[in-house]
């Protein structure tokens, strides 16, 4: 194989290879180079180009995962805010007033005794 694009397409179509490369990519170019050599791809001078492409692909994939994680957190926070607001809307104002009177004692009785 003498074409970088052809090598890249073969790697991308192989889920095992891509998962393995993603899992070791954080180890740097030497680790990737060792893996490609271990697989005996025989890509010679194209190896450095393929390694750069793998690193770029993994960085882009990590960025997408980070964005998805942040979006998931934002959506979770939005749901919590919506639930809080809907709970506030469901409160019974009369019951709330009675609860406050019980907590504070009977405010009317206190005022009459002061007079």
PDB file of N, CA and C in Angstrom:
ATOM      1  N   UNK A   1       0.859  -1.178   0.000  1.00  0.00           N
ATOM      2  CA  UNK A   1       0.000   0.000   0.000  1.00  0.00           C
ATOM      3  C   UNK A   1       0.900   1.235   0.000  1.00  0.00           C
ATOM      4  N   UNK A   2       0.649   2.108  -0.948  1.00  0.00           N
ATOM      5  CA  UNK A   2       1.498   3.290  -1.067  1.00  0.00           C
ATOM      6  C   UNK A   2       0.720   4.594  -0.978  1.00  0.00           C
ATOM      7  N   UNK A   3      -0.568   4.522  -0.696  1.00  0.00           N
ATOM      8  CA  UNK A   3      -1.394   5.715  -0.658  1.00  0.00           C
ATOM      9  C   UNK A   3      -1.895   5.953   0.770  1.00  0.00           C
ATOM     10  N   UNK A   4      -1.587   7.118   1.319  1.00  0.00           N
ATOM     11  CA  UNK A   4      -1.984   7.469   2.691  1.00  0.00           C
ATOM     12  C   UNK A   4      -3.500   7.358   2.875  1.00  0.00           C
ATOM     13  N   UNK A   5      -4.254   7.857   1.916  1.00  0.00           N
ATOM     14  CA  UNK A   5      -5.727   7.840   2.009  1.00  0.00           C
ATOM     15  C   UNK A   5      -6.254   6.408   2.068  1.00  0.00           C
ATOM     16  N   UNK A   6      -5.669   5.546   1.287  1.00  0.00           N
ATOM     17  CA  UNK A   6      -6.095   4.149   1.263  1.00  0.00           C
ATOM     18  C   UNK A   6      -5.815   3.480   2.622  1.00  0.00           C
ATOM     19  N   UNK A   7      -4.654   3.742   3.181  1.00  0.00           N
ATOM     20  CA  UNK A   7      -4.311   3.186   4.492  1.00  0.00           C
ATOM     21  C   UNK A   7      -5.289   3.705   5.546  1.00  0.00           C
ATOM     22  N   UNK A   8      -5.535   5.017   5.507  1.00  0.00           N
ATOM     23  CA  UNK A   8      -6.441   5.633   6.485  1.00  0.00           C
ATOM     24  C   UNK A   8      -7.840   5.024   6.393  1.00  0.00           C
ATOM     25  N   UNK A   9      -8.347   4.834   5.188  1.00  0.00           N
ATOM     26  CA  UNK A   9      -9.682   4.250   5.010  1.00  0.00           C
ATOM     27  C   UNK A   9      -9.744   2.818   5.531  1.00  0.00           C
ATOM     28  N   UNK A  10      -8.682   2.058   5.320  1.00  0.00           N
ATOM     29  CA  UNK A  10      -8.642   0.683   5.824  1.00  0.00           C
ATOM     30  C   UNK A  10      -8.692   0.695   7.352  1.00  0.00           C
ATOM     31  N   UNK A  11      -7.910   1.571   7.971  1.00  0.00           N
ATOM     32  CA  UNK A  11      -7.903   1.666   9.435  1.00  0.00           C
ATOM     33  C   UNK A  11      -9.269   2.100   9.970  1.00  0.00           C
ATOM     34  N   UNK A  12      -9.871   3.110   9.348  1.00  0.00           N
ATOM     35  CA  UNK A  12     -11.161   3.626   9.827  1.00  0.00           C
ATOM     36  C   UNK A  12     -12.276   2.593   9.717  1.00  0.00           C
ATOM     37  N   UNK A  13     -12.185   1.713   8.748  1.00  0.00           N
ATOM     38  CA  UNK A  13     -13.222   0.692   8.564  1.00  0.00           C
ATOM     39  C   UNK A  13     -13.057  -0.477   9.540  1.00  0.00           C
ATOM     40  N   UNK A  14     -11.937  -0.497  10.261  1.00  0.00           N
ATOM     41  CA  UNK A  14     -11.672  -1.586  11.196  1.00  0.00           C
ATOM     42  C   UNK A  14     -11.917  -1.093  12.624  1.00  0.00           C
ATOM     43  N   UNK A  15     -13.082  -1.423  13.215  1.00  0.00           N
ATOM     44  CA  UNK A  15     -13.413  -0.927  14.557  1.00  0.00           C
ATOM     45  C   UNK A  15     -12.380  -1.329  15.615  1.00  0.00           C
ATOM     46  N   UNK A  16     -11.861  -2.552  15.520  1.00  0.00           N
ATOM     47  CA  UNK A  16     -10.861  -2.991  16.489  1.00  0.00           C
ATOM     48  C   UNK A  16      -9.636  -2.093  16.424  1.00  0.00           C
ATOM     49  N   UNK A  17      -9.164  -1.854  15.207  1.00  0.00           N
ATOM     50  CA  UNK A  17      -7.957  -1.034  15.035  1.00  0.00           C
ATOM     51  C   UNK A  17      -8.182   0.379  15.557  1.00  0.00           C
ATOM     52  N   UNK A  18      -9.315   0.981  15.221  1.00  0.00           N
ATOM     53  CA  UNK A  18      -9.568   2.364  15.647  1.00  0.00           C
ATOM     54  C   UNK A  18      -9.739   2.460  17.162  1.00  0.00           C
ATOM     55  N   UNK A  19     -10.412   1.507  17.769  1.00  0.00           N
ATOM     56  CA  UNK A  19     -10.556   1.527  19.226  1.00  0.00           C
ATOM     57  C   UNK A  19      -9.210   1.365  19.911  1.00  0.00           C
ATOM     58  N   UNK A  20      -8.388   0.477  19.378  1.00  0.00           N
ATOM     59  CA  UNK A  20      -7.051   0.262  19.940  1.00  0.00           C
ATOM     60  C   UNK A  20      -6.211   1.533  19.788  1.00  0.00           C
ATOM     61  N   UNK A  21      -6.246   2.154  18.606  1.00  0.00           N
ATOM     62  CA  UNK A  21      -5.478   3.374  18.377  1.00  0.00           C
ATOM     63  C   UNK A  21      -5.960   4.516  19.270  1.00  0.00           C
ATOM     64  N   UNK A  22      -7.283   4.644  19.427  1.00  0.00           N
ATOM     65  CA  UNK A  22      -7.823   5.686  20.319  1.00  0.00           C
ATOM     66  C   UNK A  22      -7.360   5.470  21.747  1.00  0.00           C
ATOM     67  N   UNK A  23      -7.350   4.214  22.171  1.00  0.00           N
ATOM     68  CA  UNK A  23      -7.008   3.934  23.565  1.00  0.00           C
ATOM     69  C   UNK A  23      -5.543   4.214  23.878  1.00  0.00           C
ATOM     70  N   UNK A  24      -4.678   4.140  22.878  1.00  0.00           N
ATOM     71  CA  UNK A  24      -3.247   4.371  23.132  1.00  0.00           C
ATOM     72  C   UNK A  24      -2.759   5.722  22.632  1.00  0.00           C
ATOM     73  N   UNK A  25      -3.606   6.463  21.935  1.00  0.00           N
ATOM     74  CA  UNK A  25      -3.181   7.720  21.311  1.00  0.00           C
ATOM     75  C   UNK A  25      -2.633   8.721  22.312  1.00  0.00           C
ATOM     76  N   UNK A  26      -3.161   8.707  23.530  1.00  0.00           N
ATOM     77  CA  UNK A  26      -2.678   9.664  24.536  1.00  0.00           C
ATOM     78  C   UNK A  26      -1.237   9.377  24.939  1.00  0.00           C
ATOM     79  N   UNK A  27      -0.748   8.204  24.593  1.00  0.00           N
ATOM     80  CA  UNK A  27       0.631   7.827  24.905  1.00  0.00           C
ATOM     81  C   UNK A  27       1.660   8.499  24.001  1.00  0.00           C
ATOM     82  N   UNK A  28       1.197   9.108  22.921  1.00  0.00           N
ATOM     83  CA  UNK A  28       2.104   9.834  22.037  1.00  0.00           C
ATOM     84  C   UNK A  28       2.432   9.082  20.759  1.00  0.00           C
ATOM     85  N   UNK A  29       3.226   9.739  19.950  1.00  0.00           N
ATOM     86  CA  UNK A  29       3.517   9.202  18.615  1.00  0.00           C
ATOM     87  C   UNK A  29       4.365   7.935  18.657  1.00  0.00           C
ATOM     88  N   UNK A  30       5.243   7.828  19.642  1.00  0.00           N
ATOM     89  CA  UNK A  30       6.081   6.625  19.722  1.00  0.00           C
ATOM     90  C   UNK A  30       5.230   5.385  20.004  1.00  0.00           C
ATOM     91  N   UNK A  31       4.246   5.532  20.871  1.00  0.00           N
ATOM     92  CA  UNK A  31       3.358   4.409  21.198  1.00  0.00           C
ATOM     93  C   UNK A  31       2.567   4.014  19.955  1.00  0.00           C
ATOM     94  N   UNK A  32       2.068   5.005  19.234  1.00  0.00           N
ATOM     95  CA  UNK A  32       1.327   4.718  17.997  1.00  0.00           C
ATOM     96  C   UNK A  32       2.238   4.053  16.965  1.00  0.00           C
ATOM     97  N   UNK A  33       3.441   4.561  16.854  1.00  0.00           N
ATOM     98  CA  UNK A  33       4.398   3.993  15.916  1.00  0.00           C
ATOM     99  C   UNK A  33       4.690   2.535  16.260  1.00  0.00           C
ATOM    100  N   UNK A  34       4.871   2.249  17.541  1.00  0.00           N
ATOM    101  CA  UNK A  34       5.128   0.866  17.969  1.00  0.00           C
ATOM    102  C   UNK A  34       3.953  -0.041  17.610  1.00  0.00           C
ATOM    103  N   UNK A  35       2.733   0.464  17.783  1.00  0.00           N
ATOM    104  CA  UNK A  35       1.549  -0.340  17.475  1.00  0.00           C
ATOM    105  C   UNK A  35       1.482  -0.634  15.979  1.00  0.00           C
ATOM    106  N   UNK A  36       1.708   0.371  15.155  1.00  0.00           N
ATOM    107  CA  UNK A  36       1.671   0.158  13.709  1.00  0.00           C
ATOM    108  C   UNK A  36       2.758  -0.818  13.274  1.00  0.00           C
ATOM    109  N   UNK A  37       3.925  -0.719  13.905  1.00  0.00           N
ATOM    110  CA  UNK A  37       5.018  -1.638  13.591  1.00  0.00           C
ATOM    111  C   UNK A  37       4.643  -3.054  14.028  1.00  0.00           C
ATOM    112  N   UNK A  38       4.030  -3.167  15.205  1.00  0.00           N
ATOM    113  CA  UNK A  38       3.611  -4.475  15.712  1.00  0.00           C
ATOM    114  C   UNK A  38       2.600  -5.127  14.779  1.00  0.00           C
ATOM    115  N   UNK A  39       1.740  -4.316  14.191  1.00  0.00           N
ATOM    116  CA  UNK A  39       0.753  -4.841  13.252  1.00  0.00           C
ATOM    117  C   UNK A  39       1.363  -5.167  11.891  1.00  0.00           C
ATOM    118  N   UNK A  40       2.628  -4.827  11.711  1.00  0.00           N
ATOM    119  CA  UNK A  40       3.363  -5.113  10.470  1.00  0.00           C
ATOM    120  C   UNK A  40       2.622  -4.615   9.228  1.00  0.00           C
ATOM    121  N   UNK A  41       2.229  -3.363   9.295  1.00  0.00           N
ATOM    122  CA  UNK A  41       1.494  -2.787   8.165  1.00  0.00           C
ATOM    123  C   UNK A  41       2.385  -2.554   6.946  1.00  0.00           C
ATOM    124  N   UNK A  42       3.639  -2.376   7.163  1.00  0.00           N
ATOM    125  CA  UNK A  42       4.539  -2.162   6.027  1.00  0.00           C
ATOM    126  C   UNK A  42       4.234  -0.882   5.277  1.00  0.00           C
ATOM    127  N   UNK A  43       4.007   0.188   5.992  1.00  0.00           N
ATOM    128  CA  UNK A  43       3.645   1.438   5.333  1.00  0.00           C
ATOM    129  C   UNK A  43       4.840   2.373   5.198  1.00  0.00           C
ATOM    130  N   UNK A  44       5.973   1.995   5.749  1.00  0.00           N
ATOM    131  CA  UNK A  44       7.223   2.720   5.561  1.00  0.00           C
ATOM    132  C   UNK A  44       7.135   4.206   5.843  1.00  0.00           C
ATOM    133  N   UNK A  45       7.453   4.991   4.818  1.00  0.00           N
ATOM    134  CA  UNK A  45       7.553   6.446   4.951  1.00  0.00           C
ATOM    135  C   UNK A  45       6.198   7.094   5.271  1.00  0.00           C
ATOM    136  N   UNK A  46       5.111   6.408   4.979  1.00  0.00           N
ATOM    137  CA  UNK A  46       3.786   6.971   5.251  1.00  0.00           C
ATOM    138  C   UNK A  46       3.395   6.872   6.730  1.00  0.00           C
ATOM    139  N   UNK A  47       4.179   6.139   7.503  1.00  0.00           N
ATOM    140  CA  UNK A  47       3.814   5.910   8.898  1.00  0.00           C
ATOM    141  C   UNK A  47       3.659   7.214   9.680  1.00  0.00           C
ATOM    142  N   UNK A  48       4.570   8.154   9.496  1.00  0.00           N
ATOM    143  CA  UNK A  48       4.472   9.417  10.242  1.00  0.00           C
ATOM    144  C   UNK A  48       3.227  10.204   9.833  1.00  0.00           C
ATOM    145  N   UNK A  49       2.872  10.142   8.553  1.00  0.00           N
ATOM    146  CA  UNK A  49       1.656  10.832   8.099  1.00  0.00           C
ATOM    147  C   UNK A  49       0.418  10.185   8.711  1.00  0.00           C
ATOM    148  N   UNK A  50       0.405   8.874   8.756  1.00  0.00           N
ATOM    149  CA  UNK A  50      -0.727   8.149   9.330  1.00  0.00           C
ATOM    150  C   UNK A  50      -0.836   8.443  10.826  1.00  0.00           C
ATOM    151  N   UNK A  51       0.302   8.494  11.503  1.00  0.00           N
ATOM    152  CA  UNK A  51       0.301   8.793  12.941  1.00  0.00           C
ATOM    153  C   UNK A  51      -0.270  10.177  13.190  1.00  0.00           C
ATOM    154  N   UNK A  52       0.155  11.149  12.399  1.00  0.00           N
ATOM    155  CA  UNK A  52      -0.392  12.508  12.555  1.00  0.00           C
ATOM    156  C   UNK A  52      -1.903  12.501  12.332  1.00  0.00           C
ATOM    157  N   UNK A  53      -2.337  11.733  11.387  1.00  0.00           N
ATOM    158  CA  UNK A  53      -3.762  11.654  11.088  1.00  0.00           C
ATOM    159  C   UNK A  53      -4.525  10.988  12.234  1.00  0.00           C
ATOM    160  N   UNK A  54      -3.951   9.956  12.813  1.00  0.00           N
ATOM    161  CA  UNK A  54      -4.582   9.280  13.956  1.00  0.00           C
ATOM    162  C   UNK A  54      -4.709  10.247  15.123  1.00  0.00           C
ATOM    163  N   UNK A  55      -3.631  10.984  15.412  1.00  0.00           N
ATOM    164  CA  UNK A  55      -3.650  11.942  16.523  1.00  0.00           C
ATOM    165  C   UNK A  55      -4.720  13.004  16.291  1.00  0.00           C
ATOM    166  N   UNK A  56      -4.774  13.531  15.078  1.00  0.00           N
ATOM    167  CA  UNK A  56      -5.775  14.552  14.754  1.00  0.00           C
ATOM    168  C   UNK A  56      -7.191  13.990  14.910  1.00  0.00           C
ATOM    169  N   UNK A  57      -7.395  12.781  14.443  1.00  0.00           N
ATOM    170  CA  UNK A  57      -8.704  12.135  14.546  1.00  0.00           C
ATOM    171  C   UNK A  57      -9.114  11.940  16.003  1.00  0.00           C
ATOM    172  N   UNK A  58      -8.179  11.464  16.815  1.00  0.00           N
ATOM    173  CA  UNK A  58      -8.475  11.210  18.238  1.00  0.00           C
ATOM    174  C   UNK A  58      -8.731  12.510  18.984  1.00  0.00           C
ATOM    175  N   UNK A  59      -7.995  13.563  18.655  1.00  0.00           N
ATOM    176  CA  UNK A  59      -8.229  14.865  19.302  1.00  0.00           C
ATOM    177  C   UNK A  59      -9.617  15.389  18.954  1.00  0.00           C
ATOM    178  N   UNK A  60      -9.995  15.270  17.691  1.00  0.00           N
ATOM    179  CA  UNK A  60     -11.317  15.727  17.261  1.00  0.00           C
ATOM    180  C   UNK A  60     -12.404  14.899  17.948  1.00  0.00           C
ATOM    181  N   UNK A  61     -12.179  13.597  18.070  1.00  0.00           N
ATOM    182  CA  UNK A  61     -13.146  12.720  18.717  1.00  0.00           C
ATOM    183  C   UNK A  61     -13.273  13.074  20.197  1.00  0.00           C
ATOM    184  N   UNK A  62     -12.169  13.379  20.860  1.00  0.00           N
ATOM    185  CA  UNK A  62     -12.206  13.777  22.269  1.00  0.00           C
ATOM    186  C   UNK A  62     -12.933  15.105  22.439  1.00  0.00           C
ATOM    187  N   UNK A  63     -12.704  16.043  21.508  1.00  0.00           N
ATOM    188  CA  UNK A  63     -13.405  17.328  21.574  1.00  0.00           C
ATOM    189  C   UNK A  63     -14.911  17.127  21.450  1.00  0.00           C
ATOM    190  N   UNK A  64     -15.318  16.246  20.540  1.00  0.00           N
ATOM    191  CA  UNK A  64     -16.742  15.963  20.371  1.00  0.00           C
ATOM    192  C   UNK A  64     -17.315  15.334  21.630  1.00  0.00           C
ATOM    193  N   UNK A  65     -16.566  14.416  22.241  1.00  0.00           N
ATOM    194  CA  UNK A  65     -17.047  13.779  23.479  1.00  0.00           C
ATOM    195  C   UNK A  65     -17.150  14.799  24.599  1.00  0.00           C
ATOM    196  N   UNK A  66     -16.182  15.733  24.685  1.00  0.00           N
ATOM    197  CA  UNK A  66     -16.234  16.775  25.710  1.00  0.00           C
ATOM    198  C   UNK A  66     -17.453  17.664  25.510  1.00  0.00           C
ATOM    199  N   UNK A  67     -17.715  18.036  24.255  1.00  0.00           N
ATOM    200  CA  UNK A  67     -18.876  18.878  23.971  1.00  0.00           C
ATOM    201  C   UNK A  67     -20.165  18.156  24.319  1.00  0.00           C
ATOM    202  N   UNK A  68     -20.247  16.868  23.997  1.00  0.00           N
ATOM    203  CA  UNK A  68     -21.446  16.097  24.321  1.00  0.00           C
ATOM    204  C   UNK A  68     -21.629  15.991  25.818  1.00  0.00           C
ATOM    205  N   UNK A  69     -20.535  15.803  26.539  1.00  0.00           N
ATOM    206  CA  UNK A  69     -20.611  15.725  27.999  1.00  0.00           C
ATOM    207  C   UNK A  69     -21.100  17.046  28.566  1.00  0.00           C
ATOM    208  N   UNK A  70     -20.564  18.157  28.062  1.00  0.00           N
ATOM    209  CA  UNK A  70     -21.000  19.471  28.538  1.00  0.00           C
ATOM    210  C   UNK A  70     -22.462  19.715  28.207  1.00  0.00           C
ATOM    211  N   UNK A  71     -22.891  19.300  27.022  1.00  0.00           N
ATOM    212  CA  UNK A  71     -24.294  19.459  26.640  1.00  0.00           C
ATOM    213  C   UNK A  71     -25.189  18.630  27.543  1.00  0.00           C
ATOM    214  N   UNK A  72     -24.744  17.413  27.886  1.00  0.00           N
ATOM    215  CA  UNK A  72     -25.522  16.566  28.784  1.00  0.00           C
ATOM    216  C   UNK A  72     -25.664  17.228  30.141  1.00  0.00           C
ATOM    217  N   UNK A  73     -24.581  17.831  30.648  1.00  0.00           N
ATOM    218  CA  UNK A  73     -24.640  18.517  31.941  1.00  0.00           C
ATOM    219  C   UNK A  73     -25.588  19.705  31.865  1.00  0.00           C
ATOM    220  N   UNK A  74     -25.503  20.487  30.781  1.00  0.00           N
ATOM    221  CA  UNK A  74     -26.386  21.640  30.614  1.00  0.00           C
ATOM    222  C   UNK A  74     -27.848  21.193  30.577  1.00  0.00           C
ATOM    223  N   UNK A  75     -28.126  20.130  29.832  1.00  0.00           N
ATOM    224  CA  UNK A  75     -29.496  19.626  29.742  1.00  0.00           C
ATOM    225  C   UNK A  75     -29.981  19.139  31.096  1.00  0.00           C
ATOM    226  N   UNK A  76     -29.110  18.498  31.845  1.00  0.00           N
ATOM    227  CA  UNK A  76     -29.479  18.018  33.177  1.00  0.00           C
ATOM    228  C   UNK A  76     -29.815  19.191  34.089  1.00  0.00           C
ATOM    229  N   UNK A  77     -29.011  20.252  34.033  1.00  0.00           N
ATOM    230  CA  UNK A  77     -29.275  21.441  34.847  1.00  0.00           C
ATOM    231  C   UNK A  77     -30.579  22.108  34.440  1.00  0.00           C
ATOM    232  N   UNK A  78     -30.859  22.148  33.135  1.00  0.00           N
ATOM    233  CA  UNK A  78     -32.107  22.741  32.651  1.00  0.00           C
ATOM    234  C   UNK A  78     -33.302  21.959  33.197  1.00  0.00           C
ATOM    235  N   UNK A  79     -33.203  20.627  33.213  1.00  0.00           N
ATOM    236  CA  UNK A  79     -34.302  19.800  33.717  1.00  0.00           C
ATOM    237  C   UNK A  79     -34.523  20.067  35.195  1.00  0.00           C
ATOM    238  N   UNK A  80     -33.428  20.201  35.959  1.00  0.00           N
ATOM    239  CA  UNK A  80     -33.563  20.476  37.385  1.00  0.00           C
ATOM    240  C   UNK A  80     -34.253  21.817  37.600  1.00  0.00           C
ATOM    241  N   UNK A  81     -33.837  22.851  36.822  1.00  0.00           N
ATOM    242  CA  UNK A  81     -34.458  24.169  36.943  1.00  0.00           C
ATOM    243  C   UNK A  81     -35.938  24.107  36.591  1.00  0.00           C
ATOM    244  N   UNK A  82     -36.279  23.376  35.544  1.00  0.00           N
ATOM    245  CA  UNK A  82     -37.676  23.256  35.133  1.00  0.00           C
ATOM    246  C   UNK A  82     -38.493  22.546  36.202  1.00  0.00           C
ATOM    247  N   UNK A  83     -37.944  21.498  36.794  1.00  0.00           N
ATOM    248  CA  UNK A  83     -38.657  20.785  37.855  1.00  0.00           C
ATOM    249  C   UNK A  83     -38.869  21.696  39.055  1.00  0.00           C
ATOM    250  N   UNK A  84     -37.874  22.491  39.399  1.00  0.00           N
ATOM    251  CA  UNK A  84     -37.998  23.406  40.536  1.00  0.00           C
ATOM    252  C   UNK A  84     -39.095  24.425  40.260  1.00  0.00           C
ATOM    253  N   UNK A  85     -39.081  24.974  39.045  1.00  0.00           N
ATOM    254  CA  UNK A  85     -40.097  25.967  38.694  1.00  0.00           C
ATOM    255  C   UNK A  85     -41.488  25.355  38.681  1.00  0.00           C
ATOM    256  N   UNK A  86     -41.623  24.148  38.179  1.00  0.00           N
ATOM    257  CA  UNK A  86     -42.947  23.535  38.126  1.00  0.00           C
ATOM    258  C   UNK A  86     -43.417  23.194  39.527  1.00  0.00           C
ATOM    259  N   UNK A  87     -42.511  22.840  40.431  1.00  0.00           N
ATOM    260  CA  UNK A  87     -42.897  22.585  41.817  1.00  0.00           C
ATOM    261  C   UNK A  87     -43.358  23.875  42.476  1.00  0.00           C
ATOM    262  N   UNK A  88     -42.714  24.994  42.180  1.00  0.00           N
ATOM    263  CA  UNK A  88     -43.126  26.286  42.734  1.00  0.00           C
ATOM    264  C   UNK A  88     -44.527  26.654  42.256  1.00  0.00           C
ATOM    265  N   UNK A  89     -44.817  26.347  40.992  1.00  0.00           N
ATOM    266  CA  UNK A  89     -46.125  26.676  40.426  1.00  0.00           C
ATOM    267  C   UNK A  89     -47.234  25.844  41.056  1.00  0.00           C
ATOM    268  N   UNK A  90     -46.918  24.654  41.547  1.00  0.00           N
ATOM    269  CA  UNK A  90     -47.915  23.740  42.078  1.00  0.00           C
ATOM    270  C   UNK A  90     -48.231  23.992  43.555  1.00  0.00           C
ATOM    271  N   UNK A  91     -47.556  24.913  44.190  1.00  0.00           N
ATOM    272  CA  UNK A  91     -47.796  25.171  45.611  1.00  0.00           C
ATOM    273  C   UNK A  91     -49.158  25.833  45.804  1.00  0.00           C
ATOM    274  N   UNK A  92     -49.827  25.465  46.885  1.00  0.00           N
ATOM    275  CA  UNK A  92     -51.124  26.030  47.241  1.00  0.00           C
ATOM    276  C   UNK A  92     -50.887  27.231  48.149  1.00  0.00           C
ATOM    277  N   UNK A  93     -51.194  28.451  47.686  1.00  0.00           N
ATOM    278  CA  UNK A  93     -50.907  29.643  48.475  1.00  0.00           C
ATOM    279  C   UNK A  93     -51.635  29.634  49.813  1.00  0.00           C
ATOM    280  N   UNK A  94     -52.852  29.097  49.871  1.00  0.00           N
ATOM    281  CA  UNK A  94     -53.606  29.081  51.129  1.00  0.00           C
ATOM    282  C   UNK A  94     -52.937  28.150  52.134  1.00  0.00           C
ATOM    283  N   UNK A  95     -52.500  26.993  51.656  1.00  0.00           N
ATOM    284  CA  UNK A  95     -51.813  26.050  52.542  1.00  0.00           C
ATOM    285  C   UNK A  95     -50.512  26.665  53.030  1.00  0.00           C
ATOM    286  N   UNK A  96     -49.800  27.338  52.130  1.00  0.00           N
ATOM    287  CA  UNK A  96     -48.541  27.976  52.504  1.00  0.00           C
ATOM    288  C   UNK A  96     -48.782  29.032  53.587  1.00  0.00           C
ATOM    289  N   UNK A  97     -49.871  29.794  53.474  1.00  0.00           N
ATOM    290  CA  UNK A  97     -50.195  30.823  54.467  1.00  0.00           C
ATOM    291  C   UNK A  97     -50.496  30.170  55.817  1.00  0.00           C
ATOM    292  N   UNK A  98     -51.238  29.055  55.806  1.00  0.00           N
ATOM    293  CA  UNK A  98     -51.542  28.331  57.044  1.00  0.00           C
ATOM    294  C   UNK A  98     -50.276  27.773  57.668  1.00  0.00           C
ATOM    295  N   UNK A  99     -49.370  27.250  56.830  1.00  0.00           N
ATOM    296  CA  UNK A  99     -48.102  26.722  57.335  1.00  0.00           C
ATOM    297  C   UNK A  99     -47.317  27.826  58.027  1.00  0.00           C
ATOM    298  N   UNK A 100     -47.303  29.023  57.440  1.00  0.00           N
ATOM    299  CA  UNK A 100     -46.575  30.152  58.023  1.00  0.00           C
ATOM    300  C   UNK A 100     -47.196  30.566  59.354  1.00  0.00           C
ATOM    301  N   UNK A 101     -48.525  30.545  59.457  1.00  0.00           N
ATOM    302  CA  UNK A 101     -49.206  30.925  60.692  1.00  0.00           C
ATOM    303  C   UNK A 101     -48.865  29.933  61.795  1.00  0.00           C
ATOM    304  N   UNK A 102     -48.815  28.632  61.447  1.00  0.00           N
ATOM    305  CA  UNK A 102     -48.469  27.622  62.447  1.00  0.00           C
ATOM    306  C   UNK A 102     -47.034  27.800  62.913  1.00  0.00           C
ATOM    307  N   UNK A 103     -46.161  28.100  61.996  1.00  0.00           N
ATOM    308  CA  UNK A 103     -44.756  28.280  62.334  1.00  0.00           C
ATOM    309  C   UNK A 103     -44.563  29.501  63.222  1.00  0.00           C
ATOM    310  N   UNK A 104     -45.241  30.596  62.915  1.00  0.00           N
ATOM    311  CA  UNK A 104     -45.080  31.845  63.648  1.00  0.00           C
ATOM    312  C   UNK A 104     -46.023  31.949  64.846  1.00  0.00           C
ATOM    313  N   UNK A 105     -46.825  30.960  65.079  1.00  0.00           N
ATOM    314  CA  UNK A 105     -47.865  31.059  66.106  1.00  0.00           C
ATOM    315  C   UNK A 105     -49.046  31.776  65.488  1.00  0.00           C
ATOM    316  N   UNK A 106     -50.071  32.010  66.227  1.00  0.00           N
ATOM    317  CA  UNK A 106     -51.216  32.713  65.674  1.00  0.00           C
ATOM    318  C   UNK A 106     -50.951  34.206  65.781  1.00  0.00           C
ATOM    319  N   UNK A 107     -50.608  34.805  64.671  1.00  0.00           N
ATOM    320  CA  UNK A 107     -50.213  36.213  64.646  1.00  0.00           C
ATOM    321  C   UNK A 107     -51.355  37.119  65.097  1.00  0.00           C
ATOM    322  N   UNK A 108     -52.616  36.781  64.758  1.00  0.00           N
ATOM    323  CA  UNK A 108     -53.750  37.618  65.147  1.00  0.00           C
ATOM    324  C   UNK A 108     -53.917  37.654  66.671  1.00  0.00           C
ATOM    325  N   UNK A 109     -53.769  36.531  67.324  1.00  0.00           N
ATOM    326  CA  UNK A 109     -53.911  36.452  68.779  1.00  0.00           C
ATOM    327  C   UNK A 109     -52.832  37.282  69.461  1.00  0.00           C
ATOM    328  N   UNK A 110     -51.604  37.208  68.937  1.00  0.00           N
ATOM    329  CA  UNK A 110     -50.502  37.972  69.518  1.00  0.00           C
ATOM    330  C   UNK A 110     -50.783  39.464  69.447  1.00  0.00           C
ATOM    331  N   UNK A 111     -51.342  39.918  68.337  1.00  0.00           N
ATOM    332  CA  UNK A 111     -51.626  41.335  68.166  1.00  0.00           C
ATOM    333  C   UNK A 111     -52.727  41.799  69.127  1.00  0.00           C
ATOM    334  N   UNK A 112     -53.760  40.971  69.352  1.00  0.00           N
ATOM    335  CA  UNK A 112     -54.860  41.343  70.245  1.00  0.00           C
ATOM    336  C   UNK A 112     -54.364  41.469  71.692  1.00  0.00           C
ATOM    337  N   UNK A 113     -53.457  40.570  72.098  1.00  0.00           N
ATOM    338  CA  UNK A 113     -52.952  40.611  73.461  1.00  0.00           C
ATOM    339  C   UNK A 113     -52.133  41.850  73.718  1.00  0.00           C
ATOM    340  N   UNK A 114     -51.471  42.397  72.697  1.00  0.00           N
ATOM    341  CA  UNK A 114     -50.639  43.584  72.837  1.00  0.00           C
ATOM    342  C   UNK A 114     -51.498  44.815  73.109  1.00  0.00           C
ATOM    343  N   UNK A 115     -52.731  44.853  72.616  1.00  0.00           N
ATOM    344  CA  UNK A 115     -53.588  46.032  72.742  1.00  0.00           C
ATOM    345  C   UNK A 115     -54.073  46.207  74.105  1.00  0.00           C
TER     346      UNK A 115
END
